[in-house]
Amino acid sequence: MQMSDYALAQLANERLADAREVAARRALVRSLTPRQPLRVRLGGLLVALGRRLLAEPAPQRAAS
């Protein structure tokens, strides 16, 4: 099956437009859900844990 150059160019333009649409949609979704990398979240968790461990202990109740 032979395709004319015009038909081939139209097909390529259509596919390119579809790919751009998909990429724009994915970029929009990505911009709406900002996520930090796992190492950043883990680092923050470890810092919070360290601060908690270094904090003064809670006052003890007097034994009766």
PDB file of N, CA and C in Angstrom:
ATOM      1  N   MET A   1       0.843  -1.173   0.000  1.00  0.00           N
ATOM      2  CA  MET A   1       0.000   0.000   0.000  1.00  0.00           C
ATOM      3  C   MET A   1       0.890   1.239   0.000  1.00  0.00           C
ATOM      4  N   GLN A   2       0.667   2.080  -0.956  1.00  0.00           N
ATOM      5  CA  GLN A   2       1.446   3.307  -1.092  1.00  0.00           C
ATOM      6  C   GLN A   2       0.676   4.469  -0.477  1.00  0.00           C
ATOM      7  N   MET A   3       1.382   5.333   0.232  1.00  0.00           N
ATOM      8  CA  MET A   3       0.773   6.534   0.805  1.00  0.00           C
ATOM      9  C   MET A   3       1.408   7.738   0.162  1.00  0.00           C
ATOM     10  N   SER A   4       0.595   8.710  -0.082  1.00  0.00           N
ATOM     11  CA  SER A   4       1.164   9.934  -0.640  1.00  0.00           C
ATOM     12  C   SER A   4       1.900  10.680   0.478  1.00  0.00           C
ATOM     13  N   ASP A   5       2.782  11.554   0.066  1.00  0.00           N
ATOM     14  CA  ASP A   5       3.535  12.332   1.048  1.00  0.00           C
ATOM     15  C   ASP A   5       2.607  13.186   1.906  1.00  0.00           C
ATOM     16  N   TYR A   6       1.555  13.696   1.294  1.00  0.00           N
ATOM     17  CA  TYR A   6       0.611  14.542   2.020  1.00  0.00           C
ATOM     18  C   TYR A   6      -0.112  13.734   3.108  1.00  0.00           C
ATOM     19  N   ALA A   7      -0.573  12.533   2.744  1.00  0.00           N
ATOM     20  CA  ALA A   7      -1.285  11.692   3.707  1.00  0.00           C
ATOM     21  C   ALA A   7      -0.353  11.276   4.844  1.00  0.00           C
ATOM     22  N   LEU A   8       0.876  10.979   4.518  1.00  0.00           N
ATOM     23  CA  LEU A   8       1.855  10.596   5.528  1.00  0.00           C
ATOM     24  C   LEU A   8       2.139  11.761   6.477  1.00  0.00           C
ATOM     25  N   ALA A   9       2.255  12.962   5.933  1.00  0.00           N
ATOM     26  CA  ALA A   9       2.488  14.144   6.765  1.00  0.00           C
ATOM     27  C   ALA A   9       1.287  14.417   7.672  1.00  0.00           C
ATOM     28  N   GLN A  10       0.073  14.243   7.143  1.00  0.00           N
ATOM     29  CA  GLN A  10      -1.135  14.449   7.948  1.00  0.00           C
ATOM     30  C   GLN A  10      -1.190  13.444   9.100  1.00  0.00           C
ATOM     31  N   LEU A  11      -0.866  12.205   8.817  1.00  0.00           N
ATOM     32  CA  LEU A  11      -0.858  11.160   9.838  1.00  0.00           C
ATOM     33  C   LEU A  11       0.180  11.476  10.919  1.00  0.00           C
ATOM     34  N   ALA A  12       1.350  11.895  10.499  1.00  0.00           N
ATOM     35  CA  ALA A  12       2.403  12.242  11.452  1.00  0.00           C
ATOM     36  C   ALA A  12       1.982  13.429  12.311  1.00  0.00           C
ATOM     37  N   ASN A  13       1.354  14.443  11.700  1.00  0.00           N
ATOM     38  CA  ASN A  13       0.894  15.604  12.457  1.00  0.00           C
ATOM     39  C   ASN A  13      -0.184  15.228  13.467  1.00  0.00           C
ATOM     40  N   GLU A  14      -1.064  14.320  13.072  1.00  0.00           N
ATOM     41  CA  GLU A  14      -2.129  13.865  13.979  1.00  0.00           C
ATOM     42  C   GLU A  14      -1.545  13.129  15.185  1.00  0.00           C
ATOM     43  N   ARG A  15      -0.607  12.260  14.942  1.00  0.00           N
ATOM     44  CA  ARG A  15       0.038  11.523  16.039  1.00  0.00           C
ATOM     45  C   ARG A  15       0.819  12.465  16.947  1.00  0.00           C
ATOM     46  N   LEU A  16       1.473  13.429  16.355  1.00  0.00           N
ATOM     47  CA  LEU A  16       2.234  14.404  17.127  1.00  0.00           C
ATOM     48  C   LEU A  16       1.303  15.233  18.017  1.00  0.00           C
ATOM     49  N   ALA A  17       0.158  15.623  17.483  1.00  0.00           N
ATOM     50  CA  ALA A  17      -0.820  16.384  18.264  1.00  0.00           C
ATOM     51  C   ALA A  17      -1.338  15.549  19.428  1.00  0.00           C
ATOM     52  N   ASP A  18      -1.605  14.269  19.169  1.00  0.00           N
ATOM     53  CA  ASP A  18      -2.063  13.380  20.251  1.00  0.00           C
ATOM     54  C   ASP A  18      -0.997  13.242  21.334  1.00  0.00           C
ATOM     55  N   ALA A  19       0.249  13.074  20.928  1.00  0.00           N
ATOM     56  CA  ALA A  19       1.339  12.935  21.901  1.00  0.00           C
ATOM     57  C   ALA A  19       1.498  14.212  22.719  1.00  0.00           C
ATOM     58  N   ARG A  20       1.356  15.362  22.087  1.00  0.00           N
ATOM     59  CA  ARG A  20       1.452  16.624  22.820  1.00  0.00           C
ATOM     60  C   ARG A  20       0.312  16.772  23.817  1.00  0.00           C
ATOM     61  N   GLU A  21      -0.892  16.331  23.445  1.00  0.00           N
ATOM     62  CA  GLU A  21      -2.038  16.378  24.352  1.00  0.00           C
ATOM     63  C   GLU A  21      -1.781  15.527  25.590  1.00  0.00           C
ATOM     64  N   VAL A  22      -1.304  14.329  25.367  1.00  0.00           N
ATOM     65  CA  VAL A  22      -1.019  13.420  26.480  1.00  0.00           C
ATOM     66  C   VAL A  22       0.055  14.019  27.385  1.00  0.00           C
ATOM     67  N   ALA A  23       1.091  14.572  26.797  1.00  0.00           N
ATOM     68  CA  ALA A  23       2.173  15.164  27.582  1.00  0.00           C
ATOM     69  C   ALA A  23       1.673  16.361  28.388  1.00  0.00           C
ATOM     70  N   ALA A  24       0.813  17.181  27.789  1.00  0.00           N
ATOM     71  CA  ALA A  24       0.268  18.338  28.509  1.00  0.00           C
ATOM     72  C   ALA A  24      -0.605  17.889  29.667  1.00  0.00           C
ATOM     73  N   ARG A  25      -1.405  16.866  29.462  1.00  0.00           N
ATOM     74  CA  ARG A  25      -2.261  16.340  30.524  1.00  0.00           C
ATOM     75  C   ARG A  25      -1.417  15.792  31.676  1.00  0.00           C
ATOM     76  N   ARG A  26      -0.382  15.038  31.342  1.00  0.00           N
ATOM     77  CA  ARG A  26       0.489  14.477  32.380  1.00  0.00           C
ATOM     78  C   ARG A  26       1.216  15.575  33.148  1.00  0.00           C
ATOM     79  N   ALA A  27       1.649  16.610  32.454  1.00  0.00           N
ATOM     80  CA  ALA A  27       2.323  17.728  33.119  1.00  0.00           C
ATOM     81  C   ALA A  27       1.375  18.452  34.068  1.00  0.00           C
ATOM     82  N   LEU A  28       0.124  18.591  33.659  1.00  0.00           N
ATOM     83  CA  LEU A  28      -0.862  19.241  34.523  1.00  0.00           C
ATOM     84  C   LEU A  28      -1.095  18.425  35.782  1.00  0.00           C
ATOM     85  N   VAL A  29      -1.258  17.133  35.637  1.00  0.00           N
ATOM     86  CA  VAL A  29      -1.461  16.264  36.801  1.00  0.00           C
ATOM     87  C   VAL A  29      -0.247  16.314  37.712  1.00  0.00           C
ATOM     88  N   ARG A  30       0.942  16.284  37.128  1.00  0.00           N
ATOM     89  CA  ARG A  30       2.174  16.331  37.916  1.00  0.00           C
ATOM     90  C   ARG A  30       2.293  17.648  38.679  1.00  0.00           C
ATOM     91  N   SER A  31       1.840  18.748  38.071  1.00  0.00           N
ATOM     92  CA  SER A  31       1.949  20.046  38.735  1.00  0.00           C
ATOM     93  C   SER A  31       0.938  20.185  39.867  1.00  0.00           C
ATOM     94  N   LEU A  32      -0.152  19.434  39.803  1.00  0.00           N
ATOM     95  CA  LEU A  32      -1.175  19.516  40.845  1.00  0.00           C
ATOM     96  C   LEU A  32      -0.850  18.653  42.056  1.00  0.00           C
ATOM     97  N   THR A  33       0.021  17.687  41.888  1.00  0.00           N
ATOM     98  CA  THR A  33       0.375  16.801  42.996  1.00  0.00           C
ATOM     99  C   THR A  33       1.876  16.887  43.247  1.00  0.00           C
ATOM    100  N   PRO A  34       2.307  17.952  43.931  1.00  0.00           N
ATOM    101  CA  PRO A  34       3.742  18.061  44.195  1.00  0.00           C
ATOM    102  C   PRO A  34       4.184  17.004  45.208  1.00  0.00           C
ATOM    103  N   ARG A  35       5.189  16.327  44.877  1.00  0.00           N
ATOM    104  CA  ARG A  35       5.711  15.293  45.768  1.00  0.00           C
ATOM    105  C   ARG A  35       7.196  15.501  45.962  1.00  0.00           C
ATOM    106  N   GLN A  36       7.611  15.263  47.183  1.00  0.00           N
ATOM    107  CA  GLN A  36       9.034  15.349  47.473  1.00  0.00           C
ATOM    108  C   GLN A  36       9.650  13.975  47.212  1.00  0.00           C
ATOM    109  N   PRO A  37      10.898  13.960  46.851  1.00  0.00           N
ATOM    110  CA  PRO A  37      11.557  12.666  46.679  1.00  0.00           C
ATOM    111  C   PRO A  37      11.586  11.900  48.007  1.00  0.00           C
ATOM    112  N   LEU A  38      11.678  10.593  47.909  1.00  0.00           N
ATOM    113  CA  LEU A  38      11.677   9.743  49.096  1.00  0.00           C
ATOM    114  C   LEU A  38      12.806  10.119  50.048  1.00  0.00           C
ATOM    115  N   ARG A  39      13.969  10.449  49.524  1.00  0.00           N
ATOM    116  CA  ARG A  39      15.097  10.781  50.402  1.00  0.00           C
ATOM    117  C   ARG A  39      14.838  12.047  51.199  1.00  0.00           C
ATOM    118  N   VAL A  40      14.091  12.994  50.631  1.00  0.00           N
ATOM    119  CA  VAL A  40      13.768  14.226  51.356  1.00  0.00           C
ATOM    120  C   VAL A  40      12.778  13.925  52.474  1.00  0.00           C
ATOM    121  N   ARG A  41      11.759  13.133  52.171  1.00  0.00           N
ATOM    122  CA  ARG A  41      10.775  12.772  53.204  1.00  0.00           C
ATOM    123  C   ARG A  41      11.421  11.954  54.310  1.00  0.00           C
ATOM    124  N   LEU A  42      12.281  11.009  53.933  1.00  0.00           N
ATOM    125  CA  LEU A  42      12.960  10.182  54.927  1.00  0.00           C
ATOM    126  C   LEU A  42      13.889  11.029  55.793  1.00  0.00           C
ATOM    127  N   GLY A  43      14.580  11.978  55.174  1.00  0.00           N
ATOM    128  CA  GLY A  43      15.459  12.866  55.940  1.00  0.00           C
ATOM    129  C   GLY A  43      14.680  13.688  56.944  1.00  0.00           C
ATOM    130  N   GLY A  44      13.539  14.235  56.538  1.00  0.00           N
ATOM    131  CA  GLY A  44      12.701  15.005  57.460  1.00  0.00           C
ATOM    132  C   GLY A  44      12.202  14.144  58.608  1.00  0.00           C
ATOM    133  N   LEU A  45      11.833  12.920  58.307  1.00  0.00           N
ATOM    134  CA  LEU A  45      11.374  11.996  59.341  1.00  0.00           C
ATOM    135  C   LEU A  45      12.485  11.695  60.337  1.00  0.00           C
ATOM    136  N   LEU A  46      13.690  11.479  59.843  1.00  0.00           N
ATOM    137  CA  LEU A  46      14.811  11.189  60.734  1.00  0.00           C
ATOM    138  C   LEU A  46      15.174  12.394  61.601  1.00  0.00           C
ATOM    139  N   VAL A  47      15.093  13.598  61.037  1.00  0.00           N
ATOM    140  CA  VAL A  47      15.360  14.805  61.820  1.00  0.00           C
ATOM    141  C   VAL A  47      14.318  14.950  62.922  1.00  0.00           C
ATOM    142  N   ALA A  48      13.046  14.731  62.582  1.00  0.00           N
ATOM    143  CA  ALA A  48      11.981  14.831  63.586  1.00  0.00           C
ATOM    144  C   ALA A  48      12.168  13.788  64.678  1.00  0.00           C
ATOM    145  N   LEU A  49      12.545  12.586  64.305  1.00  0.00           N
ATOM    146  CA  LEU A  49      12.790  11.529  65.287  1.00  0.00           C
ATOM    147  C   LEU A  49      13.955  11.895  66.193  1.00  0.00           C
ATOM    148  N   GLY A  50      15.021  12.425  65.612  1.00  0.00           N
ATOM    149  CA  GLY A  50      16.177  12.836  66.418  1.00  0.00           C
ATOM    150  C   GLY A  50      15.826  13.936  67.399  1.00  0.00           C
ATOM    151  N   ARG A  51      15.049  14.913  66.954  1.00  0.00           N
ATOM    152  CA  ARG A  51      14.631  15.982  67.860  1.00  0.00           C
ATOM    153  C   ARG A  51      13.784  15.435  68.999  1.00  0.00           C
ATOM    154  N   ARG A  52      12.932  14.492  68.672  1.00  0.00           N
ATOM    155  CA  ARG A  52      12.069  13.914  69.706  1.00  0.00           C
ATOM    156  C   ARG A  52      12.895  13.134  70.720  1.00  0.00           C
ATOM    157  N   LEU A  53      13.904  12.414  70.237  1.00  0.00           N
ATOM    158  CA  LEU A  53      14.745  11.638  71.149  1.00  0.00           C
ATOM    159  C   LEU A  53      15.617  12.540  72.023  1.00  0.00           C
ATOM    160  N   LEU A  54      15.997  13.718  71.505  1.00  0.00           N
ATOM    161  CA  LEU A  54      16.832  14.632  72.279  1.00  0.00           C
ATOM    162  C   LEU A  54      16.033  15.532  73.221  1.00  0.00           C
ATOM    163  N   ALA A  55      14.722  15.558  73.043  1.00  0.00           N
ATOM    164  CA  ALA A  55      13.889  16.426  73.884  1.00  0.00           C
ATOM    165  C   ALA A  55      13.916  15.936  75.323  1.00  0.00           C
ATOM    166  N   GLU A  56      13.579  16.840  76.212  1.00  0.00           N
ATOM    167  CA  GLU A  56      13.538  16.468  77.624  1.00  0.00           C
ATOM    168  C   GLU A  56      12.424  15.449  77.859  1.00  0.00           C
ATOM    169  N   PRO A  57      12.660  14.495  78.735  1.00  0.00           N
ATOM    170  CA  PRO A  57      11.628  13.499  78.983  1.00  0.00           C
ATOM    171  C   PRO A  57      10.418  14.117  79.681  1.00  0.00           C
ATOM    172  N   ALA A  58       9.289  13.494  79.502  1.00  0.00           N
ATOM    173  CA  ALA A  58       8.056  13.970  80.150  1.00  0.00           C
ATOM    174  C   ALA A  58       8.179  13.838  81.654  1.00  0.00           C
ATOM    175  N   PRO A  59       7.609  14.765  82.414  1.00  0.00           N
ATOM    176  CA  PRO A  59       7.695  14.680  83.871  1.00  0.00           C
ATOM    177  C   PRO A  59       7.001  13.416  84.376  1.00  0.00           C
ATOM    178  N   GLN A  60       7.605  12.808  85.380  1.00  0.00           N
ATOM    179  CA  GLN A  60       7.071  11.580  85.956  1.00  0.00           C
ATOM    180  C   GLN A  60       6.065  11.910  87.066  1.00  0.00           C
ATOM    181  N   ARG A  61       5.056  11.096  87.212  1.00  0.00           N
ATOM    182  CA  ARG A  61       4.104  11.258  88.305  1.00  0.00           C
ATOM    183  C   ARG A  61       4.708  10.743  89.588  1.00  0.00           C
ATOM    184  N   ALA A  62       4.341  11.395  90.653  1.00  0.00           N
ATOM    185  CA  ALA A  62       4.816  10.929  91.965  1.00  0.00           C
ATOM    186  C   ALA A  62       4.118   9.636  92.323  1.00  0.00           C
ATOM    187  N   ALA A  63       4.893   8.689  92.814  1.00  0.00           N
ATOM    188  CA  ALA A  63       4.322   7.406  93.196  1.00  0.00           C
ATOM    189  C   ALA A  63       3.670   7.537  94.551  1.00  0.00           C
ATOM    190  N   SER A  64       2.478   6.978  94.721  1.00  0.00           N
ATOM    191  CA  SER A  64       1.842   7.068  96.035  1.00  0.00           C
ATOM    192  C   SER A  64       1.844   5.755  96.747  1.00  0.00           C
TER     193      SER A  64
END
